[in-house]
Amino acid sequence: MSINIGNEGSILTIYKDEKGRYKTYIKGTETQEDGEVKDIFMSKKVQFKKGVEIKNRSKIEVIKGWISCYRIQTDELTEE
């Protein structure tokens, strides 16, 4: 699955956890076996150049952004 996150420009909220790691949440769609299209939300790790620090819940604009991802069953995930 691939997602276009800013053909012209998109505003993303960046979250910073207590360990200083950044992530954002992206909404996508997934077609079920019965043909129904379902909304899904993904958490994506975000990295910045060395020395760049931003506050929790900062908003950034992404211009011409694109990501590729794959589906992992949620019961297989751990915090580690």
PDB file of N, CA and C in Angstrom:
ATOM      1  N   MET A   1       0.848  -1.157   0.000  1.00  0.00           N
ATOM      2  CA  MET A   1       0.000   0.000   0.000  1.00  0.00           C
ATOM      3  C   MET A   1       0.900   1.228   0.000  1.00  0.00           C
ATOM      4  N   SER A   2       0.560   2.205  -0.778  1.00  0.00           N
ATOM      5  CA  SER A   2       1.293   3.465  -0.756  1.00  0.00           C
ATOM      6  C   SER A   2       0.296   4.604  -0.574  1.00  0.00           C
ATOM      7  N   ILE A   3       0.774   5.672   0.016  1.00  0.00           N
ATOM      8  CA  ILE A   3      -0.101   6.801   0.333  1.00  0.00           C
ATOM      9  C   ILE A   3       0.578   8.090  -0.114  1.00  0.00           C
ATOM     10  N   ASN A   4      -0.150   8.895  -0.850  1.00  0.00           N
ATOM     11  CA  ASN A   4       0.321  10.213  -1.235  1.00  0.00           C
ATOM     12  C   ASN A   4      -0.080  11.158  -0.110  1.00  0.00           C
ATOM     13  N   ILE A   5       0.884  11.727   0.593  1.00  0.00           N
ATOM     14  CA  ILE A   5       0.555  12.563   1.753  1.00  0.00           C
ATOM     15  C   ILE A   5       0.778  14.048   1.508  1.00  0.00           C
ATOM     16  N   GLY A   6       0.839  14.459   0.276  1.00  0.00           N
ATOM     17  CA  GLY A   6       1.015  15.880   0.040  1.00  0.00           C
ATOM     18  C   GLY A   6       1.353  16.213  -1.383  1.00  0.00           C
ATOM     19  N   ASN A   7       0.434  15.950  -2.308  1.00  0.00           N
ATOM     20  CA  ASN A   7       0.701  16.264  -3.698  1.00  0.00           C
ATOM     21  C   ASN A   7       0.986  17.751  -3.854  1.00  0.00           C
ATOM     22  N   GLU A   8       0.174  18.573  -3.265  1.00  0.00           N
ATOM     23  CA  GLU A   8       0.406  20.018  -3.268  1.00  0.00           C
ATOM     24  C   GLU A   8       0.948  20.482  -1.922  1.00  0.00           C
ATOM     25  N   GLY A   9       0.460  19.891  -0.851  1.00  0.00           N
ATOM     26  CA  GLY A   9       0.892  20.260   0.490  1.00  0.00           C
ATOM     27  C   GLY A   9      -0.100  19.746   1.506  1.00  0.00           C
ATOM     28  N   SER A  10       0.393  19.116   2.538  1.00  0.00           N
ATOM     29  CA  SER A  10      -0.459  18.587   3.599  1.00  0.00           C
ATOM     30  C   SER A  10       0.098  19.004   4.946  1.00  0.00           C
ATOM     31  N   ILE A  11      -0.795  19.264   5.886  1.00  0.00           N
ATOM     32  CA  ILE A  11      -0.391  19.612   7.241  1.00  0.00           C
ATOM     33  C   ILE A  11      -0.462  18.337   8.087  1.00  0.00           C
ATOM     34  N   LEU A  12       0.643  17.961   8.711  1.00  0.00           N
ATOM     35  CA  LEU A  12       0.700  16.801   9.593  1.00  0.00           C
ATOM     36  C   LEU A  12       1.015  17.258  11.008  1.00  0.00           C
ATOM     37  N   THR A  13       0.407  16.620  11.990  1.00  0.00           N
ATOM     38  CA  THR A  13       0.726  16.877  13.388  1.00  0.00           C
ATOM     39  C   THR A  13       1.779  15.858  13.806  1.00  0.00           C
ATOM     40  N   ILE A  14       2.871  16.346  14.398  1.00  0.00           N
ATOM     41  CA  ILE A  14       3.963  15.485  14.845  1.00  0.00           C
ATOM     42  C   ILE A  14       3.885  15.375  16.357  1.00  0.00           C
ATOM     43  N   TYR A  15       3.884  14.139  16.839  1.00  0.00           N
ATOM     44  CA  TYR A  15       3.816  13.872  18.275  1.00  0.00           C
ATOM     45  C   TYR A  15       5.192  13.434  18.763  1.00  0.00           C
ATOM     46  N   LYS A  16       5.586  13.922  19.934  1.00  0.00           N
ATOM     47  CA  LYS A  16       6.875  13.573  20.526  1.00  0.00           C
ATOM     48  C   LYS A  16       6.601  12.860  21.845  1.00  0.00           C
ATOM     49  N   ASP A  17       7.141  11.639  22.008  1.00  0.00           N
ATOM     50  CA  ASP A  17       6.893  10.909  23.245  1.00  0.00           C
ATOM     51  C   ASP A  17       7.927  11.277  24.314  1.00  0.00           C
ATOM     52  N   GLU A  18       7.791  10.667  25.489  1.00  0.00           N
ATOM     53  CA  GLU A  18       8.667  11.008  26.616  1.00  0.00           C
ATOM     54  C   GLU A  18      10.117  10.609  26.385  1.00  0.00           C
ATOM     55  N   LYS A  19      10.382   9.738  25.414  1.00  0.00           N
ATOM     56  CA  LYS A  19      11.758   9.336  25.084  1.00  0.00           C
ATOM     57  C   LYS A  19      12.342  10.171  23.957  1.00  0.00           C
ATOM     58  N   GLY A  20      11.591  11.160  23.476  1.00  0.00           N
ATOM     59  CA  GLY A  20      12.082  12.048  22.432  1.00  0.00           C
ATOM     60  C   GLY A  20      11.890  11.531  21.018  1.00  0.00           C
ATOM     61  N   ARG A  21      11.114  10.457  20.835  1.00  0.00           N
ATOM     62  CA  ARG A  21      10.857   9.914  19.504  1.00  0.00           C
ATOM     63  C   ARG A  21       9.643  10.602  18.895  1.00  0.00           C
ATOM     64  N   TYR A  22       9.682  10.776  17.586  1.00  0.00           N
ATOM     65  CA  TYR A  22       8.606  11.461  16.877  1.00  0.00           C
ATOM     66  C   TYR A  22       7.775  10.469  16.077  1.00  0.00           C
ATOM     67  N   LYS A  23       6.467  10.734  15.976  1.00  0.00           N
ATOM     68  CA  LYS A  23       5.589   9.928  15.128  1.00  0.00           C
ATOM     69  C   LYS A  23       4.414  10.781  14.690  1.00  0.00           C
ATOM     70  N   THR A  24       3.708  10.294  13.675  1.00  0.00           N
ATOM     71  CA  THR A  24       2.497  10.938  13.196  1.00  0.00           C
ATOM     72  C   THR A  24       1.486   9.845  12.881  1.00  0.00           C
ATOM     73  N   TYR A  25       0.248  10.216  12.760  1.00  0.00           N
ATOM     74  CA  TYR A  25      -0.806   9.276  12.407  1.00  0.00           C
ATOM     75  C   TYR A  25      -1.338   9.642  11.032  1.00  0.00           C
ATOM     76  N   ILE A  26      -1.475   8.648  10.175  1.00  0.00           N
ATOM     77  CA  ILE A  26      -1.917   8.865   8.805  1.00  0.00           C
ATOM     78  C   ILE A  26      -3.150   8.015   8.547  1.00  0.00           C
ATOM     79  N   LYS A  27      -4.154   8.626   7.926  1.00  0.00           N
ATOM     80  CA  LYS A  27      -5.379   7.906   7.584  1.00  0.00           C
ATOM     81  C   LYS A  27      -5.241   7.368   6.162  1.00  0.00           C
ATOM     82  N   GLY A  28      -5.630   6.127   5.996  1.00  0.00           N
ATOM     83  CA  GLY A  28      -5.636   5.500   4.677  1.00  0.00           C
ATOM     84  C   GLY A  28      -6.911   4.702   4.512  1.00  0.00           C
ATOM     85  N   THR A  29      -7.007   4.008   3.400  1.00  0.00           N
ATOM     86  CA  THR A  29      -8.157   3.136   3.173  1.00  0.00           C
ATOM     87  C   THR A  29      -7.660   1.751   2.794  1.00  0.00           C
ATOM     88  N   GLU A  30      -8.473   0.756   3.085  1.00  0.00           N
ATOM     89  CA  GLU A  30      -8.131  -0.620   2.774  1.00  0.00           C
ATOM     90  C   GLU A  30      -9.395  -1.312   2.269  1.00  0.00           C
ATOM     91  N   THR A  31      -9.270  -2.040   1.165  1.00  0.00           N
ATOM     92  CA  THR A  31     -10.406  -2.772   0.618  1.00  0.00           C
ATOM     93  C   THR A  31     -10.482  -4.141   1.272  1.00  0.00           C
ATOM     94  N   GLN A  32     -11.613  -4.435   1.873  1.00  0.00           N
ATOM     95  CA  GLN A  32     -11.844  -5.716   2.536  1.00  0.00           C
ATOM     96  C   GLN A  32     -12.134  -6.801   1.497  1.00  0.00           C
ATOM     97  N   GLU A  33     -12.111  -8.060   1.922  1.00  0.00           N
ATOM     98  CA  GLU A  33     -12.377  -9.178   1.021  1.00  0.00           C
ATOM     99  C   GLU A  33     -13.777  -9.111   0.413  1.00  0.00           C
ATOM    100  N   ASP A  34     -14.726  -8.534   1.161  1.00  0.00           N
ATOM    101  CA  ASP A  34     -16.096  -8.423   0.643  1.00  0.00           C
ATOM    102  C   ASP A  34     -16.296  -7.201  -0.259  1.00  0.00           C
ATOM    103  N   GLY A  35     -15.221  -6.449  -0.530  1.00  0.00           N
ATOM    104  CA  GLY A  35     -15.291  -5.288  -1.409  1.00  0.00           C
ATOM    105  C   GLY A  35     -15.535  -3.976  -0.702  1.00  0.00           C
ATOM    106  N   GLU A  36     -15.852  -4.026   0.592  1.00  0.00           N
ATOM    107  CA  GLU A  36     -16.085  -2.799   1.367  1.00  0.00           C
ATOM    108  C   GLU A  36     -14.766  -2.070   1.596  1.00  0.00           C
ATOM    109  N   VAL A  37     -14.790  -0.757   1.467  1.00  0.00           N
ATOM    110  CA  VAL A  37     -13.604   0.067   1.717  1.00  0.00           C
ATOM    111  C   VAL A  37     -13.677   0.569   3.148  1.00  0.00           C
ATOM    112  N   LYS A  38     -12.625   0.314   3.915  1.00  0.00           N
ATOM    113  CA  LYS A  38     -12.602   0.653   5.336  1.00  0.00           C
ATOM    114  C   LYS A  38     -11.473   1.648   5.612  1.00  0.00           C
ATOM    115  N   ASP A  39     -11.743   2.653   6.455  1.00  0.00           N
ATOM    116  CA  ASP A  39     -10.699   3.590   6.882  1.00  0.00           C
ATOM    117  C   ASP A  39      -9.776   2.893   7.865  1.00  0.00           C
ATOM    118  N   ILE A  40      -8.476   3.133   7.712  1.00  0.00           N
ATOM    119  CA  ILE A  40      -7.495   2.620   8.671  1.00  0.00           C
ATOM    120  C   ILE A  40      -6.579   3.767   9.083  1.00  0.00           C
ATOM    121  N   PHE A  41      -6.064   3.700  10.289  1.00  0.00           N
ATOM    122  CA  PHE A  41      -5.152   4.716  10.789  1.00  0.00           C
ATOM    123  C   PHE A  41      -3.824   4.046  11.109  1.00  0.00           C
ATOM    124  N   MET A  42      -2.753   4.679  10.648  1.00  0.00           N
ATOM    125  CA  MET A  42      -1.413   4.118  10.832  1.00  0.00           C
ATOM    126  C   MET A  42      -0.554   5.086  11.615  1.00  0.00           C
ATOM    127  N   SER A  43       0.279   4.544  12.459  1.00  0.00           N
ATOM    128  CA  SER A  43       1.276   5.321  13.170  1.00  0.00           C
ATOM    129  C   SER A  43       2.577   5.176  12.406  1.00  0.00           C
ATOM    130  N   LYS A  44       3.204   6.282  12.055  1.00  0.00           N
ATOM    131  CA  LYS A  44       4.463   6.248  11.320  1.00  0.00           C
ATOM    132  C   LYS A  44       5.544   6.984  12.095  1.00  0.00           C
ATOM    133  N   LYS A  45       6.687   6.357  12.202  1.00  0.00           N
ATOM    134  CA  LYS A  45       7.859   6.977  12.831  1.00  0.00           C
ATOM    135  C   LYS A  45       8.333   8.120  11.935  1.00  0.00           C
ATOM    136  N   VAL A  46       8.716   9.233  12.553  1.00  0.00           N
ATOM    137  CA  VAL A  46       9.173  10.410  11.812  1.00  0.00           C
ATOM    138  C   VAL A  46      10.586  10.737  12.276  1.00  0.00           C
ATOM    139  N   GLN A  47      11.454  11.027  11.334  1.00  0.00           N
ATOM    140  CA  GLN A  47      12.820  11.416  11.673  1.00  0.00           C
ATOM    141  C   GLN A  47      13.141  12.756  11.028  1.00  0.00           C
ATOM    142  N   PHE A  48      13.965  13.532  11.710  1.00  0.00           N
ATOM    143  CA  PHE A  48      14.425  14.815  11.202  1.00  0.00           C
ATOM    144  C   PHE A  48      15.948  14.799  11.142  1.00  0.00           C
ATOM    145  N   LYS A  49      16.512  15.773  10.449  1.00  0.00           N
ATOM    146  CA  LYS A  49      17.963  15.885  10.384  1.00  0.00           C
ATOM    147  C   LYS A  49      18.531  16.068  11.790  1.00  0.00           C
ATOM    148  N   LYS A  50      19.779  15.662  11.969  1.00  0.00           N
ATOM    149  CA  LYS A  50      20.456  15.775  13.259  1.00  0.00           C
ATOM    150  C   LYS A  50      20.407  17.229  13.739  1.00  0.00           C
ATOM    151  N   GLY A  51      20.063  17.402  14.997  1.00  0.00           N
ATOM    152  CA  GLY A  51      20.019  18.729  15.597  1.00  0.00           C
ATOM    153  C   GLY A  51      18.650  19.403  15.518  1.00  0.00           C
ATOM    154  N   VAL A  52      17.725  18.834  14.774  1.00  0.00           N
ATOM    155  CA  VAL A  52      16.383  19.427  14.660  1.00  0.00           C
ATOM    156  C   VAL A  52      15.531  18.912  15.811  1.00  0.00           C
ATOM    157  N   GLU A  53      14.984  19.818  16.598  1.00  0.00           N
ATOM    158  CA  GLU A  53      14.104  19.486  17.717  1.00  0.00           C
ATOM    159  C   GLU A  53      12.793  20.238  17.521  1.00  0.00           C
ATOM    160  N   ILE A  54      11.680  19.534  17.698  1.00  0.00           N
ATOM    161  CA  ILE A  54      10.381  20.206  17.634  1.00  0.00           C
ATOM    162  C   ILE A  54       9.560  19.809  18.852  1.00  0.00           C
ATOM    163  N   LYS A  55       8.575  20.625  19.179  1.00  0.00           N
ATOM    164  CA  LYS A  55       7.720  20.380  20.332  1.00  0.00           C
ATOM    165  C   LYS A  55       6.654  19.342  20.002  1.00  0.00           C
ATOM    166  N   ASN A  56       6.111  18.704  21.042  1.00  0.00           N
ATOM    167  CA  ASN A  56       5.002  17.768  20.888  1.00  0.00           C
ATOM    168  C   ASN A  56       3.815  18.487  20.253  1.00  0.00           C
ATOM    169  N   ARG A  57       3.137  17.799  19.364  1.00  0.00           N
ATOM    170  CA  ARG A  57       1.957  18.299  18.648  1.00  0.00           C
ATOM    171  C   ARG A  57       2.263  19.487  17.742  1.00  0.00           C
ATOM    172  N   SER A  58       3.477  19.544  17.223  1.00  0.00           N
ATOM    173  CA  SER A  58       3.824  20.571  16.241  1.00  0.00           C
ATOM    174  C   SER A  58       3.182  20.226  14.911  1.00  0.00           C
ATOM    175  N   LYS A  59       2.821  21.236  14.158  1.00  0.00           N
ATOM    176  CA  LYS A  59       2.239  21.030  12.836  1.00  0.00           C
ATOM    177  C   LYS A  59       3.300  21.398  11.797  1.00  0.00           C
ATOM    178  N   ILE A  60       3.486  20.487  10.817  1.00  0.00           N
ATOM    179  CA  ILE A  60       4.436  20.747   9.739  1.00  0.00           C
ATOM    180  C   ILE A  60       3.716  20.583   8.405  1.00  0.00           C
ATOM    181  N   GLU A  61       4.221  21.239   7.376  1.00  0.00           N
ATOM    182  CA  GLU A  61       3.661  21.081   6.042  1.00  0.00           C
ATOM    183  C   GLU A  61       4.567  20.157   5.240  1.00  0.00           C
ATOM    184  N   VAL A  62       3.969  19.144   4.631  1.00  0.00           N
ATOM    185  CA  VAL A  62       4.698  18.206   3.777  1.00  0.00           C
ATOM    186  C   VAL A  62       4.334  18.535   2.336  1.00  0.00           C
ATOM    187  N   ILE A  63       5.342  18.793   1.526  1.00  0.00           N
ATOM    188  CA  ILE A  63       5.127  19.122   0.122  1.00  0.00           C
ATOM    189  C   ILE A  63       5.623  17.962  -0.723  1.00  0.00           C
ATOM    190  N   LYS A  64       4.742  17.424  -1.536  1.00  0.00           N
ATOM    191  CA  LYS A  64       5.056  16.301  -2.419  1.00  0.00           C
ATOM    192  C   LYS A  64       5.605  15.111  -1.646  1.00  0.00           C
ATOM    193  N   GLY A  65       4.912  14.727  -0.574  1.00  0.00           N
ATOM    194  CA  GLY A  65       5.321  13.585   0.232  1.00  0.00           C
ATOM    195  C   GLY A  65       4.642  12.310  -0.222  1.00  0.00           C
ATOM    196  N   TRP A  66       5.331  11.191  -0.060  1.00  0.00           N
ATOM    197  CA  TRP A  66       4.797   9.891  -0.457  1.00  0.00           C
ATOM    198  C   TRP A  66       5.449   8.833   0.422  1.00  0.00           C
ATOM    199  N   ILE A  67       4.658   7.887   0.909  1.00  0.00           N
ATOM    200  CA  ILE A  67       5.217   6.815   1.720  1.00  0.00           C
ATOM    201  C   ILE A  67       4.691   5.477   1.239  1.00  0.00           C
ATOM    202  N   SER A  68       5.430   4.449   1.566  1.00  0.00           N
ATOM    203  CA  SER A  68       5.012   3.092   1.262  1.00  0.00           C
ATOM    204  C   SER A  68       4.980   2.335   2.579  1.00  0.00           C
ATOM    205  N   CYS A  69       4.007   1.467   2.756  1.00  0.00           N
ATOM    206  CA  CYS A  69       3.899   0.737   4.015  1.00  0.00           C
ATOM    207  C   CYS A  69       3.299  -0.634   3.768  1.00  0.00           C
ATOM    208  N   TYR A  70       3.300  -1.457   4.777  1.00  0.00           N
ATOM    209  CA  TYR A  70       2.710  -2.781   4.680  1.00  0.00           C
ATOM    210  C   TYR A  70       1.916  -3.062   5.935  1.00  0.00           C
ATOM    211  N   ARG A  71       0.993  -3.996   5.865  1.00  0.00           N
ATOM    212  CA  ARG A  71       0.063  -4.309   6.947  1.00  0.00           C
ATOM    213  C   ARG A  71       0.661  -5.354   7.872  1.00  0.00           C
ATOM    214  N   ILE A  72       0.624  -5.099   9.174  1.00  0.00           N
ATOM    215  CA  ILE A  72       1.035  -6.044  10.200  1.00  0.00           C
ATOM    216  C   ILE A  72      -0.172  -6.297  11.084  1.00  0.00           C
ATOM    217  N   GLN A  73      -0.471  -7.542  11.381  1.00  0.00           N
ATOM    218  CA  GLN A  73      -1.578  -7.859  12.280  1.00  0.00           C
ATOM    219  C   GLN A  73      -1.298  -7.231  13.659  1.00  0.00           C
ATOM    220  N   THR A  74      -2.249  -6.499  14.207  1.00  0.00           N
ATOM    221  CA  THR A  74      -2.025  -5.768  15.447  1.00  0.00           C
ATOM    222  C   THR A  74      -1.767  -6.681  16.639  1.00  0.00           C
ATOM    223  N   ASP A  75      -2.253  -7.925  16.618  1.00  0.00           N
ATOM    224  CA  ASP A  75      -2.008  -8.815  17.756  1.00  0.00           C
ATOM    225  C   ASP A  75      -0.568  -9.302  17.781  1.00  0.00           C
ATOM    226  N   GLU A  76       0.222  -9.012  16.737  1.00  0.00           N
ATOM    227  CA  GLU A  76       1.626  -9.402  16.703  1.00  0.00           C
ATOM    228  C   GLU A  76       2.552  -8.276  17.169  1.00  0.00           C
ATOM    229  N   LEU A  77       2.012  -7.087  17.396  1.00  0.00           N
ATOM    230  CA  LEU A  77       2.838  -5.941  17.762  1.00  0.00           C
ATOM    231  C   LEU A  77       3.110  -5.907  19.269  1.00  0.00           C
ATOM    232  N   THR A  78       4.269  -5.378  19.618  1.00  0.00           N
ATOM    233  CA  THR A  78       4.598  -5.132  21.019  1.00  0.00           C
ATOM    234  C   THR A  78       5.154  -3.709  21.116  1.00  0.00           C
ATOM    235  N   GLU A  79       5.269  -3.199  22.306  1.00  0.00           N
ATOM    236  CA  GLU A  79       5.835  -1.865  22.506  1.00  0.00           C
ATOM    237  C   GLU A  79       7.312  -1.826  22.153  1.00  0.00           C
ATOM    238  N   GLU A  80       8.008  -2.950  22.236  1.00  0.00           N
ATOM    239  CA  GLU A  80       9.421  -3.000  21.884  1.00  0.00           C
ATOM    240  C   GLU A  80       9.556  -2.993  20.379  1.00  0.00           C
TER     241      GLU A  80
END
